[in-house]
Amino acid sequence: MANLTDKVVIITGASSGIGEETAKELASKGAKLVLAARREERLQELTNELNSDEKRAAYKVTDVTSYEEVEELAEFAQDQFGQIDALVNNAGLMPLSLLNKQKVNEWDKMIDVNIKGVLYGISAVLPHMRERKQGHIINLSSVAGHVVFPGSAVYSGTKFAVRAITDGLRMEEAKESNIRATIISPGAVSTELTSTITDEDMKSGTEDLYSMAIQPDSIARTIRYALEEPPEVTINEIVVRPTEQDL
């Protein structure tokens, strides 16, 4: 996908942060975008901004924990633009907590969004990409998918899973269907991700880490770089941290 002009890219979690900046970055390179998130007002604003000169984007309100809604998202992309060239599985939650706090509802939400949401996205686009024998799936993991620290056990578990799923996808589909799979693992990034933390014992340490957070456009440029490599090249995995972050 060395030239992104008119390539159709689905982005989940597109209403803010990394998803929003990725949409802007790819649109600036000529891609056509299908934006997905739960917050319609934010999606509408971003879509209007990207379509100020010509139609570059469409949006569909989507809850990635719903298999049916993610399937409908892929169908919507094909209806709008006729094809799907890439999927950026970006939607994610990070309510860090110590296991002894037993925040089971938060564990369930992370598993549903961070793991099932990724799998549902893959399932929705894979038949189309296999039929065309081309495509690129980029899954957002995390530095926490490489290391575990107190309070990250469940979140890290979901992000280790994303890495395993993506590498399995690569091994299954690269030779068979020429489908590329890429893992992007950000460190601390200035987004809304920390807003879901309810464990008071985790908040202060997280605030210290995120005081050095980089801007989400750095991850957006990383995603663009992976997408722009030619079809015979796959960027398998990239870790992007603030320079000061040691974990």
Protein backbone atom coordinates (compact mmCIF):
# COMPACT_ATOMS: atom_id res chain seq x y z
CA MET A 1 0.00 0.00 0.00
CA ALA A 2 2.87 2.31 -0.89
CA ASN A 3 0.42 4.86 -2.26
CA LEU A 4 -2.49 5.53 0.09
CA THR A 5 -4.54 7.46 -2.44
CA ASP A 6 -8.09 6.06 -2.52
CA LYS A 7 -7.17 3.12 -0.27
CA VAL A 8 -10.10 2.35 2.03
CA VAL A 9 -9.21 2.12 5.73
CA ILE A 10 -11.55 1.30 8.62
CA ILE A 11 -10.51 2.84 11.95
CA THR A 12 -12.15 1.83 15.22
CA GLY A 13 -11.98 4.10 18.25
CA ALA A 14 -11.88 6.98 15.79
CA SER A 15 -13.66 9.61 17.89
CA SER A 16 -10.56 10.78 19.78
CA GLY A 17 -6.87 10.25 20.49
CA ILE A 18 -4.90 7.89 18.28
CA GLY A 19 -7.91 7.01 16.15
CA GLU A 20 -8.76 10.63 15.41
CA GLU A 21 -5.15 11.58 14.62
CA THR A 22 -4.75 8.50 12.41
CA ALA A 23 -7.83 9.51 10.45
CA LYS A 24 -6.40 12.97 9.86
CA GLU A 25 -2.97 11.61 8.92
CA LEU A 26 -4.27 9.04 6.44
CA ALA A 27 -6.77 11.46 4.92
CA SER A 28 -3.92 13.90 4.28
CA LYS A 29 -2.29 11.15 2.19
CA GLY A 30 -5.40 10.53 0.12
CA ALA A 31 -6.95 7.55 1.90
CA LYS A 32 -10.69 7.03 2.15
CA LEU A 33 -11.81 6.37 5.70
CA VAL A 34 -14.61 4.62 7.50
CA LEU A 35 -14.67 5.90 11.07
CA ALA A 36 -16.16 3.88 13.90
CA ALA A 37 -16.78 4.64 17.57
CA ARG A 38 -19.70 4.96 19.95
CA ARG A 39 -19.84 8.78 20.17
CA GLU A 40 -21.75 9.98 17.12
CA GLU A 41 -21.30 13.69 17.69
CA ARG A 42 -17.50 13.38 17.70
CA LEU A 43 -17.57 11.12 14.64
CA GLN A 44 -19.79 13.60 12.80
CA GLU A 45 -17.46 16.51 13.61
CA LEU A 46 -14.39 14.62 12.42
CA THR A 47 -16.12 13.40 9.27
CA ASN A 48 -17.20 16.94 8.40
CA GLU A 49 -13.67 18.18 8.93
CA LEU A 50 -12.17 15.50 6.68
CA ASN A 51 -14.79 16.08 3.99
CA SER A 52 -14.32 19.86 3.81
CA ASP A 53 -12.86 19.68 0.29
CA GLU A 54 -14.13 16.34 -1.03
CA LYS A 55 -15.65 13.20 0.40
CA ARG A 56 -12.86 11.33 2.13
CA ALA A 57 -14.68 9.82 5.07
CA ALA A 58 -17.88 8.20 6.26
CA TYR A 59 -18.77 7.11 9.76
CA LYS A 60 -20.86 4.47 11.46
CA VAL A 61 -21.61 4.38 15.17
CA THR A 62 -20.22 1.02 16.29
CA ASP A 63 -19.77 -0.82 19.56
CA VAL A 64 -16.84 -3.17 18.93
CA THR A 65 -18.08 -5.54 21.63
CA SER A 66 -21.02 -6.39 19.34
CA TYR A 67 -20.14 -8.96 16.68
CA GLU A 68 -23.19 -7.91 14.65
CA GLU A 69 -22.30 -4.21 14.71
CA VAL A 70 -18.72 -4.86 13.61
CA GLU A 71 -19.95 -7.07 10.76
CA GLU A 72 -22.31 -4.26 9.76
CA LEU A 73 -19.38 -1.84 9.84
CA ALA A 74 -17.48 -3.89 7.26
CA GLU A 75 -20.58 -4.10 5.07
CA PHE A 76 -21.02 -0.33 5.40
CA ALA A 77 -17.43 0.25 4.26
CA GLN A 78 -17.98 -1.84 1.16
CA ASP A 79 -21.28 -0.09 0.43
CA GLN A 80 -19.68 3.35 0.78
CA PHE A 81 -16.38 2.79 -1.03
CA GLY A 82 -16.56 -0.62 -2.72
CA GLN A 83 -13.64 -2.29 -0.95
CA ILE A 84 -11.64 -2.61 2.27
CA ASP A 85 -7.88 -2.23 2.01
CA ALA A 86 -6.98 -1.96 5.69
CA LEU A 87 -8.37 -2.14 9.19
CA VAL A 88 -6.90 -0.30 12.17
CA ASN A 89 -8.18 -2.03 15.32
CA ASN A 90 -7.62 0.88 17.68
CA ALA A 91 -10.53 0.84 20.14
CA GLY A 92 -9.36 0.01 23.65
CA LEU A 93 -9.86 0.49 27.39
CA MET A 94 -7.32 0.72 30.23
CA PRO A 95 -8.98 0.77 33.67
CA LEU A 96 -5.86 -0.34 35.54
CA SER A 97 -6.44 -1.82 38.98
CA LEU A 98 -4.86 -4.09 41.55
CA LEU A 99 -6.31 -7.58 41.41
CA ASN A 100 -7.27 -7.47 45.08
CA LYS A 101 -9.74 -4.69 44.29
CA GLN A 102 -11.76 -7.32 42.39
CA LYS A 103 -13.02 -4.90 39.74
CA VAL A 104 -14.55 -7.75 37.78
CA ASN A 105 -16.81 -5.54 35.67
CA GLU A 106 -13.76 -3.60 34.48
CA TRP A 107 -11.93 -6.84 33.70
CA ASP A 108 -14.89 -7.99 31.63
CA LYS A 109 -15.02 -4.69 29.72
CA MET A 110 -11.31 -4.88 28.87
CA ILE A 111 -11.65 -8.43 27.63
CA ASP A 112 -14.71 -7.50 25.57
CA VAL A 113 -13.18 -4.40 23.95
CA ASN A 114 -9.47 -5.16 23.83
CA ILE A 115 -9.64 -8.83 22.79
CA LYS A 116 -13.09 -9.61 21.44
CA GLY A 117 -13.28 -6.26 19.63
CA VAL A 118 -10.03 -7.05 17.82
CA LEU A 119 -11.22 -10.54 16.91
CA TYR A 120 -14.56 -9.24 15.67
CA GLY A 121 -12.77 -6.70 13.47
CA ILE A 122 -10.54 -9.39 11.98
CA SER A 123 -13.54 -11.63 11.38
CA ALA A 124 -15.48 -8.86 9.65
CA VAL A 125 -12.81 -7.95 7.10
CA LEU A 126 -10.99 -11.24 6.59
CA PRO A 127 -13.38 -12.85 4.05
CA HIS A 128 -13.25 -9.73 1.87
CA MET A 129 -9.46 -9.51 2.06
CA ARG A 130 -9.04 -13.24 1.39
CA GLU A 131 -11.24 -12.96 -1.68
CA ARG A 132 -9.13 -10.10 -3.04
CA LYS A 133 -5.87 -11.70 -1.82
CA GLN A 134 -4.70 -8.45 -0.32
CA GLY A 135 -5.23 -6.33 2.75
CA HIS A 136 -3.59 -5.04 5.89
CA ILE A 137 -4.76 -5.42 9.49
CA ILE A 138 -3.11 -3.22 12.11
CA ASN A 139 -3.85 -4.03 15.74
CA LEU A 140 -3.00 -1.68 18.60
CA SER A 141 -1.32 -3.48 21.49
CA SER A 142 0.72 -1.59 24.09
CA VAL A 143 4.04 -1.51 25.89
CA ALA A 144 1.92 -3.25 28.54
CA GLY A 145 1.67 -6.11 26.07
CA HIS A 146 5.44 -6.60 26.54
CA VAL A 147 5.85 -6.01 30.29
CA VAL A 148 3.58 -6.39 33.32
CA PHE A 149 3.55 -4.10 36.33
CA PRO A 150 1.39 -3.98 39.47
CA GLY A 151 -2.12 -2.97 38.47
CA SER A 152 -1.72 -3.95 34.81
CA ALA A 153 -2.33 -7.70 35.11
CA VAL A 154 -5.63 -7.81 33.23
CA TYR A 155 -4.85 -4.95 30.85
CA SER A 156 -1.47 -6.48 30.03
CA GLY A 157 -3.17 -9.82 29.57
CA THR A 158 -5.45 -8.34 26.93
CA LYS A 159 -2.57 -6.64 25.15
CA PHE A 160 -0.37 -9.76 25.21
CA ALA A 161 -3.38 -11.47 23.63
CA VAL A 162 -3.53 -8.86 20.87
CA ARG A 163 0.09 -9.56 20.02
CA ALA A 164 -0.50 -13.33 19.96
CA ILE A 165 -3.61 -12.98 17.81
CA THR A 166 -1.88 -10.67 15.35
CA ASP A 167 1.15 -12.90 14.95
CA GLY A 168 -1.11 -15.90 14.47
CA LEU A 169 -2.99 -13.99 11.80
CA ARG A 170 0.28 -13.18 10.06
CA MET A 171 1.39 -16.81 10.00
CA GLU A 172 -1.98 -18.06 8.78
CA GLU A 173 -2.63 -15.50 6.06
CA ALA A 174 0.63 -14.05 4.72
CA LYS A 175 1.43 -16.89 2.31
CA GLU A 176 -2.16 -17.96 1.79
CA SER A 177 -3.77 -14.60 1.04
CA ASN A 178 -1.01 -11.97 0.98
CA ILE A 179 -2.68 -10.27 3.96
CA ARG A 180 -0.33 -8.27 6.12
CA ALA A 181 -0.61 -8.02 9.91
CA THR A 182 1.06 -5.37 12.06
CA ILE A 183 1.26 -4.83 15.82
CA ILE A 184 1.71 -1.26 17.08
CA SER A 185 2.63 -1.04 20.78
CA PRO A 186 2.45 2.52 22.16
CA GLY A 187 3.85 3.59 25.46
CA ALA A 188 2.35 6.56 27.31
CA VAL A 189 0.32 8.62 24.86
CA SER A 190 -1.72 11.71 25.68
CA THR A 191 -5.26 10.37 25.11
CA GLU A 192 -8.43 9.69 27.10
CA LEU A 193 -7.20 6.17 27.96
CA THR A 194 -6.40 6.95 31.59
CA SER A 195 -9.84 8.48 32.23
CA THR A 196 -11.31 5.02 32.88
CA ILE A 197 -9.06 4.29 35.87
CA THR A 198 -11.17 4.08 39.05
CA ASP A 199 -8.61 2.45 41.36
CA GLU A 200 -7.30 5.32 43.49
CA ASP A 201 -4.09 3.41 44.25
CA MET A 202 -3.26 3.37 40.54
CA LYS A 203 -4.06 6.98 39.68
CA SER A 204 -1.03 8.73 41.19
CA GLY A 205 1.52 6.41 39.63
CA THR A 206 -0.23 6.60 36.31
CA GLU A 207 -0.26 10.39 36.46
CA ASP A 208 3.52 10.35 36.96
CA LEU A 209 4.00 8.11 33.92
CA TYR A 210 1.65 10.10 31.73
CA SER A 211 3.32 13.39 32.59
CA MET A 212 5.86 12.40 29.91
CA ALA A 213 3.23 11.20 27.41
CA ILE A 214 3.80 11.79 23.72
CA GLN A 215 1.13 13.13 21.39
CA PRO A 216 -1.15 10.73 19.49
CA ASP A 217 -0.04 12.06 16.11
CA SER A 218 3.25 10.21 16.68
CA ILE A 219 1.34 6.92 16.66
CA ALA A 220 -0.68 8.08 13.67
CA ARG A 221 2.52 8.61 11.68
CA THR A 222 3.72 5.17 12.76
CA ILE A 223 0.52 3.60 11.45
CA ARG A 224 0.89 5.48 8.17
CA TYR A 225 4.47 4.25 7.85
CA ALA A 226 3.37 0.63 8.23
CA LEU A 227 0.58 1.08 5.69
CA GLU A 228 2.80 2.78 3.14
CA GLU A 229 5.28 -0.06 2.80
CA PRO A 230 4.86 -1.95 -0.52
CA PRO A 231 2.81 -5.19 -0.58
CA GLU A 232 5.86 -7.43 -0.41
CA VAL A 233 6.97 -5.82 2.87
CA THR A 234 5.28 -6.23 6.26
CA ILE A 235 6.18 -4.22 9.31
CA ASN A 236 5.45 -6.93 11.89
CA GLU A 237 5.74 -4.91 15.09
CA ILE A 238 6.69 -1.44 16.29
CA VAL A 239 7.05 -0.19 19.86
CA VAL A 240 6.76 3.60 20.28
CA ARG A 241 7.57 5.09 23.70
CA PRO A 242 8.28 8.51 25.13
CA THR A 243 12.08 8.83 25.20
CA GLU A 244 12.02 9.05 29.02
CA GLN A 245 9.81 5.99 29.55
CA ASP A 246 11.92 3.13 30.88
CA LEU A 247 9.32 0.32 30.94
